[in-house]
C-alpha atoms as a PDB file:
ATOM      1  CA  UNK A   1     -16.732  10.386 -20.361  1.00  0.00           C
ATOM      2  CA  UNK A   2     -15.798   7.093 -18.857  1.00  0.00           C
ATOM      3  CA  UNK A   3     -15.353   5.461 -22.264  1.00  0.00           C
ATOM      4  CA  UNK A   4     -12.171   6.712 -22.538  1.00  0.00           C
ATOM      5  CA  UNK A   5     -11.805   5.762 -18.919  1.00  0.00           C
ATOM      6  CA  UNK A   6     -12.855   2.171 -19.864  1.00  0.00           C
ATOM      7  CA  UNK A   7     -10.497   2.575 -23.586  1.00  0.00           C
ATOM      8  CA  UNK A   8      -7.583   3.490 -20.862  1.00  0.00           C
ATOM      9  CA  UNK A   9      -8.310   0.819 -18.858  1.00  0.00           C
ATOM     10  CA  UNK A  10      -8.104  -1.915 -21.752  1.00  0.00           C
ATOM     11  CA  UNK A  11      -5.182  -0.534 -23.221  1.00  0.00           C
ATOM     12  CA  UNK A  12      -3.111  -0.752 -19.507  1.00  0.00           C
ATOM     13  CA  UNK A  13      -4.494  -3.213 -17.716  1.00  0.00           C
ATOM     14  CA  UNK A  14      -5.526  -7.345 -17.993  1.00  0.00           C
ATOM     15  CA  UNK A  15      -9.314  -6.441 -16.364  1.00  0.00           C
ATOM     16  CA  UNK A  16     -12.129  -7.501 -17.384  1.00  0.00           C
ATOM     17  CA  UNK A  17     -14.659  -5.908 -18.921  1.00  0.00           C
ATOM     18  CA  UNK A  18     -16.943  -6.609 -15.839  1.00  0.00           C
ATOM     19  CA  UNK A  19     -13.805  -4.786 -13.440  1.00  0.00           C
ATOM     20  CA  UNK A  20     -13.614  -2.106 -15.712  1.00  0.00           C
ATOM     21  CA  UNK A  21     -17.112  -1.944 -15.520  1.00  0.00           C
ATOM     22  CA  UNK A  22     -17.249  -1.895 -12.079  1.00  0.00           C
ATOM     23  CA  UNK A  23     -14.731   0.630 -11.855  1.00  0.00           C
ATOM     24  CA  UNK A  24     -16.446   2.742 -14.131  1.00  0.00           C
ATOM     25  CA  UNK A  25     -19.769   2.262 -12.115  1.00  0.00           C
ATOM     26  CA  UNK A  26     -18.199   3.899  -8.889  1.00  0.00           C
ATOM     27  CA  UNK A  27     -16.800   7.308 -11.347  1.00  0.00           C
ATOM     28  CA  UNK A  28     -18.258  10.587 -10.368  1.00  0.00           C
ATOM     29  CA  UNK A  29     -18.158  12.398 -13.966  1.00  0.00           C
ATOM     30  CA  UNK A  30     -17.292  16.602 -13.312  1.00  0.00           C
ATOM     31  CA  UNK A  31     -16.280  19.241 -15.778  1.00  0.00           C
ATOM     32  CA  UNK A  32     -14.404  21.958 -14.802  1.00  0.00           C
ATOM     33  CA  UNK A  33     -13.894  25.205 -16.490  1.00  0.00           C
ATOM     34  CA  UNK A  34     -10.664  26.966 -17.313  1.00  0.00           C
ATOM     35  CA  UNK A  35      -8.614  27.560 -13.836  1.00  0.00           C
ATOM     36  CA  UNK A  36     -10.837  26.167 -11.768  1.00  0.00           C
ATOM     37  CA  UNK A  37      -9.848  25.109  -8.570  1.00  0.00           C
ATOM     38  CA  UNK A  38     -10.072  20.831  -7.925  1.00  0.00           C
ATOM     39  CA  UNK A  39      -8.765  21.216  -4.608  1.00  0.00           C
ATOM     40  CA  UNK A  40      -7.799  23.890  -2.526  1.00  0.00           C
ATOM     41  CA  UNK A  41      -5.254  24.246  -0.094  1.00  0.00           C
ATOM     42  CA  UNK A  42      -6.833  23.697   3.657  1.00  0.00           C
ATOM     43  CA  UNK A  43      -8.958  20.763   1.885  1.00  0.00           C
ATOM     44  CA  UNK A  44      -9.170  17.191   2.428  1.00  0.00           C
ATOM     45  CA  UNK A  45      -8.192  16.002  -0.800  1.00  0.00           C
ATOM     46  CA  UNK A  46     -11.308  13.140  -0.840  1.00  0.00           C
ATOM     47  CA  UNK A  47     -11.009  11.993  -4.873  1.00  0.00           C
ATOM     48  CA  UNK A  48      -8.685  10.219  -6.807  1.00  0.00           C
ATOM     49  CA  UNK A  49      -8.985  11.855  -9.981  1.00  0.00           C
ATOM     50  CA  UNK A  50      -8.479  10.387 -13.819  1.00  0.00           C
ATOM     51  CA  UNK A  51      -8.521  13.279 -16.204  1.00  0.00           C
ATOM     52  CA  UNK A  52     -10.298  12.057 -19.580  1.00  0.00           C
ATOM     53  CA  UNK A  53      -9.900  15.476 -21.339  1.00  0.00           C
ATOM     54  CA  UNK A  54      -8.138  18.543 -20.544  1.00  0.00           C
ATOM     55  CA  UNK A  55      -5.308  19.540 -18.706  1.00  0.00           C
ATOM     56  CA  UNK A  56      -4.557  19.776 -14.997  1.00  0.00           C
ATOM     57  CA  UNK A  57      -1.974  21.203 -12.589  1.00  0.00           C
ATOM     58  CA  UNK A  58      -0.788  21.049  -8.833  1.00  0.00           C
ATOM     59  CA  UNK A  59       0.822  23.345  -7.355  1.00  0.00           C
ATOM     60  CA  UNK A  60       1.639  25.712  -3.910  1.00  0.00           C
ATOM     61  CA  UNK A  61       2.070  29.099  -3.146  1.00  0.00           C
ATOM     62  CA  UNK A  62       4.682  31.099  -1.212  1.00  0.00           C
ATOM     63  CA  UNK A  63       4.311  34.006   1.241  1.00  0.00           C
ATOM     64  CA  UNK A  64       4.439  35.957  -2.052  1.00  0.00           C
ATOM     65  CA  UNK A  65       1.559  34.669  -4.150  1.00  0.00           C
ATOM     66  CA  UNK A  66       4.554  33.595  -6.229  1.00  0.00           C
ATOM     67  CA  UNK A  67       3.342  29.922  -7.445  1.00  0.00           C
ATOM     68  CA  UNK A  68       5.071  26.738  -7.502  1.00  0.00           C
ATOM     69  CA  UNK A  69       4.286  23.727  -9.729  1.00  0.00           C
ATOM     70  CA  UNK A  70       5.006  20.883  -9.021  1.00  0.00           C
ATOM     71  CA  UNK A  71       3.841  18.723 -11.803  1.00  0.00           C
ATOM     72  CA  UNK A  72       1.051  18.490 -14.799  1.00  0.00           C
ATOM     73  CA  UNK A  73      -1.779  16.024 -15.650  1.00  0.00           C
ATOM     74  CA  UNK A  74      -3.234  15.780 -19.064  1.00  0.00           C
ATOM     75  CA  UNK A  75      -5.402  12.976 -20.810  1.00  0.00           C
ATOM     76  CA  UNK A  76      -5.229   9.890 -19.356  1.00  0.00           C
ATOM     77  CA  UNK A  77      -3.095  10.475 -16.013  1.00  0.00           C
ATOM     78  CA  UNK A  78      -4.344  10.424 -12.542  1.00  0.00           C
ATOM     79  CA  UNK A  79      -3.971  13.319 -10.150  1.00  0.00           C
ATOM     80  CA  UNK A  80      -4.006  13.464  -6.327  1.00  0.00           C
ATOM     81  CA  UNK A  81      -2.925  15.191  -3.532  1.00  0.00           C
ATOM     82  CA  UNK A  82      -1.307  11.793  -1.770  1.00  0.00           C
ATOM     83  CA  UNK A  83      -0.549  12.401   1.943  1.00  0.00           C
ATOM     84  CA  UNK A  84      -3.835  14.586   2.310  1.00  0.00           C
ATOM     85  CA  UNK A  85      -6.185  11.927   0.414  1.00  0.00           C
ATOM     86  CA  UNK A  86      -4.417   8.997   2.299  1.00  0.00           C
ATOM     87  CA  UNK A  87      -4.133  11.060   5.541  1.00  0.00           C
ATOM     88  CA  UNK A  88      -7.505  11.986   5.388  1.00  0.00           C
ATOM     89  CA  UNK A  89      -5.715  15.700   6.272  1.00  0.00           C
ATOM     90  CA  UNK A  90      -5.795  19.265   4.934  1.00  0.00           C
ATOM     91  CA  UNK A  91      -4.130  19.988   1.400  1.00  0.00           C
ATOM     92  CA  UNK A  92      -0.541  21.992   1.669  1.00  0.00           C
ATOM     93  CA  UNK A  93      -1.443  22.339  -2.316  1.00  0.00           C
ATOM     94  CA  UNK A  94      -3.978  23.544  -5.084  1.00  0.00           C
ATOM     95  CA  UNK A  95      -5.297  21.370  -8.178  1.00  0.00           C
ATOM     96  CA  UNK A  96      -6.771  23.633 -10.516  1.00  0.00           C
ATOM     97  CA  UNK A  97      -7.848  23.109 -14.399  1.00  0.00           C
ATOM     98  CA  UNK A  98      -5.613  25.065 -16.932  1.00  0.00           C
ATOM     99  CA  UNK A  99      -7.884  24.083 -19.665  1.00  0.00           C
ATOM    100  CA  UNK A 100     -12.315  23.049 -20.082  1.00  0.00           C
ATOM    101  CA  UNK A 101     -11.042  19.460 -18.293  1.00  0.00           C
ATOM    102  CA  UNK A 102     -13.010  16.306 -18.007  1.00  0.00           C
ATOM    103  CA  UNK A 103     -12.288  14.092 -14.957  1.00  0.00           C
ATOM    104  CA  UNK A 104     -13.722  11.033 -13.304  1.00  0.00           C
ATOM    105  CA  UNK A 105     -13.806  10.917  -9.276  1.00  0.00           C
ATOM    106  CA  UNK A 106     -13.858   8.144  -6.659  1.00  0.00           C
ATOM    107  CA  UNK A 107     -14.111   9.060  -3.066  1.00  0.00           C
ATOM    108  CA  UNK A 108     -11.609   6.995  -0.968  1.00  0.00           C
ATOM    109  CA  UNK A 109     -14.286   4.950   0.423  1.00  0.00           C
ATOM    110  CA  UNK A 110     -15.060   3.514  -2.981  1.00  0.00           C
ATOM    111  CA  UNK A 111     -11.797   3.501  -4.933  1.00  0.00           C
ATOM    112  CA  UNK A 112     -10.468   1.434  -2.002  1.00  0.00           C
ATOM    113  CA  UNK A 113     -12.974  -1.046  -2.236  1.00  0.00           C
ATOM    114  CA  UNK A 114     -12.549  -1.884  -5.978  1.00  0.00           C
ATOM    115  CA  UNK A 115      -8.400  -2.322  -4.629  1.00  0.00           C
ATOM    116  CA  UNK A 116     -10.086  -4.945  -2.665  1.00  0.00           C
ATOM    117  CA  UNK A 117     -12.819  -5.979  -5.158  1.00  0.00           C
ATOM    118  CA  UNK A 118      -9.784  -6.124  -8.171  1.00  0.00           C
ATOM    119  CA  UNK A 119      -6.696  -7.240  -6.784  1.00  0.00           C
ATOM    120  CA  UNK A 120      -5.228  -6.592 -10.646  1.00  0.00           C
ATOM    121  CA  UNK A 121      -6.244  -2.925 -10.437  1.00  0.00           C
ATOM    122  CA  UNK A 122      -4.389  -3.016  -6.778  1.00  0.00           C
ATOM    123  CA  UNK A 123      -1.320  -3.832  -8.881  1.00  0.00           C
ATOM    124  CA  UNK A 124      -1.583  -1.433 -11.323  1.00  0.00           C
ATOM    125  CA  UNK A 125      -2.009   1.647  -8.621  1.00  0.00           C
ATOM    126  CA  UNK A 126       1.238   0.144  -6.837  1.00  0.00           C
ATOM    127  CA  UNK A 127       2.917   0.486 -10.815  1.00  0.00           C
ATOM    128  CA  UNK A 128       1.356   4.025 -11.254  1.00  0.00           C
ATOM    129  CA  UNK A 129       2.722   4.771  -7.108  1.00  0.00           C
ATOM    130  CA  UNK A 130       6.049   3.190  -8.069  1.00  0.00           C
ATOM    131  CA  UNK A 131       6.472   4.754 -12.059  1.00  0.00           C
ATOM    132  CA  UNK A 132       5.421   8.826 -10.023  1.00  0.00           C
ATOM    133  CA  UNK A 133       8.135   8.208  -6.993  1.00  0.00           C
ATOM    134  CA  UNK A 134      10.587   7.882  -9.800  1.00  0.00           C
ATOM    135  CA  UNK A 135       9.478  10.214 -11.898  1.00  0.00           C
ATOM    136  CA  UNK A 136       9.489  12.698  -8.626  1.00  0.00           C
ATOM    137  CA  UNK A 137      13.082  11.831  -7.620  1.00  0.00           C
ATOM    138  CA  UNK A 138      14.567  12.315 -10.811  1.00  0.00           C
ATOM    139  CA  UNK A 139      12.527  15.736 -11.237  1.00  0.00           C
ATOM    140  CA  UNK A 140      13.987  16.548  -7.433  1.00  0.00           C
ATOM    141  CA  UNK A 141      17.591  15.897  -8.640  1.00  0.00           C
ATOM    142  CA  UNK A 142      17.469  17.562 -11.813  1.00  0.00           C
ATOM    143  CA  UNK A 143      15.986  20.649 -10.010  1.00  0.00           C
ATOM    144  CA  UNK A 144      19.184  20.637  -7.845  1.00  0.00           C
ATOM    145  CA  UNK A 145      21.566  20.336 -10.111  1.00  0.00           C
ATOM    146  CA  UNK A 146      20.869  20.983 -13.754  1.00  0.00           C
ATOM    147  CA  UNK A 147      21.068  24.783 -15.022  1.00  0.00           C
ATOM    148  CA  UNK A 148      18.126  26.535 -15.847  1.00  0.00           C
ATOM    149  CA  UNK A 149      18.868  26.008 -19.460  1.00  0.00           C
ATOM    150  CA  UNK A 150      19.152  21.867 -18.951  1.00  0.00           C
ATOM    151  CA  UNK A 151      15.812  22.350 -16.995  1.00  0.00           C
ATOM    152  CA  UNK A 152      13.938  23.807 -20.554  1.00  0.00           C
ATOM    153  CA  UNK A 153      15.787  21.411 -22.626  1.00  0.00           C
ATOM    154  CA  UNK A 154      14.349  18.085 -20.177  1.00  0.00           C
ATOM    155  CA  UNK A 155      11.339  19.764 -20.247  1.00  0.00           C
ATOM    156  CA  UNK A 156      10.886  19.829 -23.843  1.00  0.00           C
ATOM    157  CA  UNK A 157      11.998  16.327 -24.572  1.00  0.00           C
ATOM    158  CA  UNK A 158       9.589  14.814 -22.035  1.00  0.00           C
ATOM    159  CA  UNK A 159       6.747  17.089 -22.809  1.00  0.00           C
ATOM    160  CA  UNK A 160       6.345  18.078 -26.278  1.00  0.00           C
ATOM    161  CA  UNK A 161       3.170  18.386 -26.078  1.00  0.00           C
ATOM    162  CA  UNK A 162       2.470  20.751 -23.344  1.00  0.00           C
ATOM    163  CA  UNK A 163       4.617  23.016 -24.730  1.00  0.00           C
ATOM    164  CA  UNK A 164       2.303  25.111 -26.936  1.00  0.00           C
ATOM    165  CA  UNK A 165      -0.941  24.799 -24.061  1.00  0.00           C
ATOM    166  CA  UNK A 166       0.841  26.018 -21.348  1.00  0.00           C
ATOM    167  CA  UNK A 167       1.128  29.899 -20.857  1.00  0.00           C
ATOM    168  CA  UNK A 168       5.272  30.245 -20.384  1.00  0.00           C
ATOM    169  CA  UNK A 169       4.769  31.416 -16.718  1.00  0.00           C
ATOM    170  CA  UNK A 170       3.776  28.226 -15.864  1.00  0.00           C
ATOM    171  CA  UNK A 171       6.340  26.659 -17.564  1.00  0.00           C
ATOM    172  CA  UNK A 172       8.905  29.194 -15.458  1.00  0.00           C
ATOM    173  CA  UNK A 173       6.450  28.516 -11.610  1.00  0.00           C
ATOM    174  CA  UNK A 174       7.581  24.110 -13.174  1.00  0.00           C
ATOM    175  CA  UNK A 175      11.229  24.697 -13.950  1.00  0.00           C
ATOM    176  CA  UNK A 176      11.387  26.918 -10.775  1.00  0.00           C
ATOM    177  CA  UNK A 177      12.846  29.850 -12.842  1.00  0.00           C
ATOM    178  CA  UNK A 178      12.012  33.526 -13.830  1.00  0.00           C
ATOM    179  CA  UNK A 179       9.550  34.232 -16.449  1.00  0.00           C
ATOM    180  CA  UNK A 180      12.740  36.452 -17.764  1.00  0.00           C
ATOM    181  CA  UNK A 181      15.642  33.915 -17.868  1.00  0.00           C
ATOM    182  CA  UNK A 182      12.996  31.122 -19.642  1.00  0.00           C
ATOM    183  CA  UNK A 183      12.448  34.217 -22.157  1.00  0.00           C
ATOM    184  CA  UNK A 184      16.244  34.126 -22.674  1.00  0.00           C
ATOM    185  CA  UNK A 185      16.673  30.476 -23.341  1.00  0.00           C
ATOM    186  CA  UNK A 186      13.239  30.113 -25.833  1.00  0.00           C
ATOM    187  CA  UNK A 187      15.203  33.493 -27.724  1.00  0.00           C
ATOM    188  CA  UNK A 188      19.028  31.653 -27.460  1.00  0.00           C
ATOM    189  CA  UNK A 189      17.338  28.877 -28.990  1.00  0.00           C
ATOM    190  CA  UNK A 190      15.330  30.298 -31.886  1.00  0.00           C
ATOM    191  CA  UNK A 191      18.383  32.075 -33.299  1.00  0.00           C
ATOM    192  CA  UNK A 192      20.875  29.294 -33.034  1.00  0.00           C
END
């Protein structure tokens, strides 16, 4: 499990072998079963998590029980409720495995120590945060301004590999449209 993370760091950073080994040594491996929660609303997010294998979602629920998915995290990506993790306050969101997943966890104390010890990791972490911020801004604008068809087309363009891995109700919950609307859009595209 750790070797996938080490390969990721070798590919995306200029960290030395010793620095990569140090980061790996502080990681706690964990297997998640399908639908298993990594974080439940009301809990404090205690871990920064790297997805080695599998697919997770971050989502919130509303009073009627419906789910709104903020984002998906697949292989070689990070997942965390940043506000809960940084401020050590209860989370407003859930993080759950969509499929059986292998993840690596770092406590806040351990990850903060790594960032102090390895300045290059701090720089890489900041780049990831900026990229996430830009993507969130684009997603927010799209969700406010685009038609359901445009939202779906954007999803297909940016996440073609997720189409076969996600049930339609999760894609609809991510796009902020009803399953009926999503089915109509997909049907119309097939018939073109």
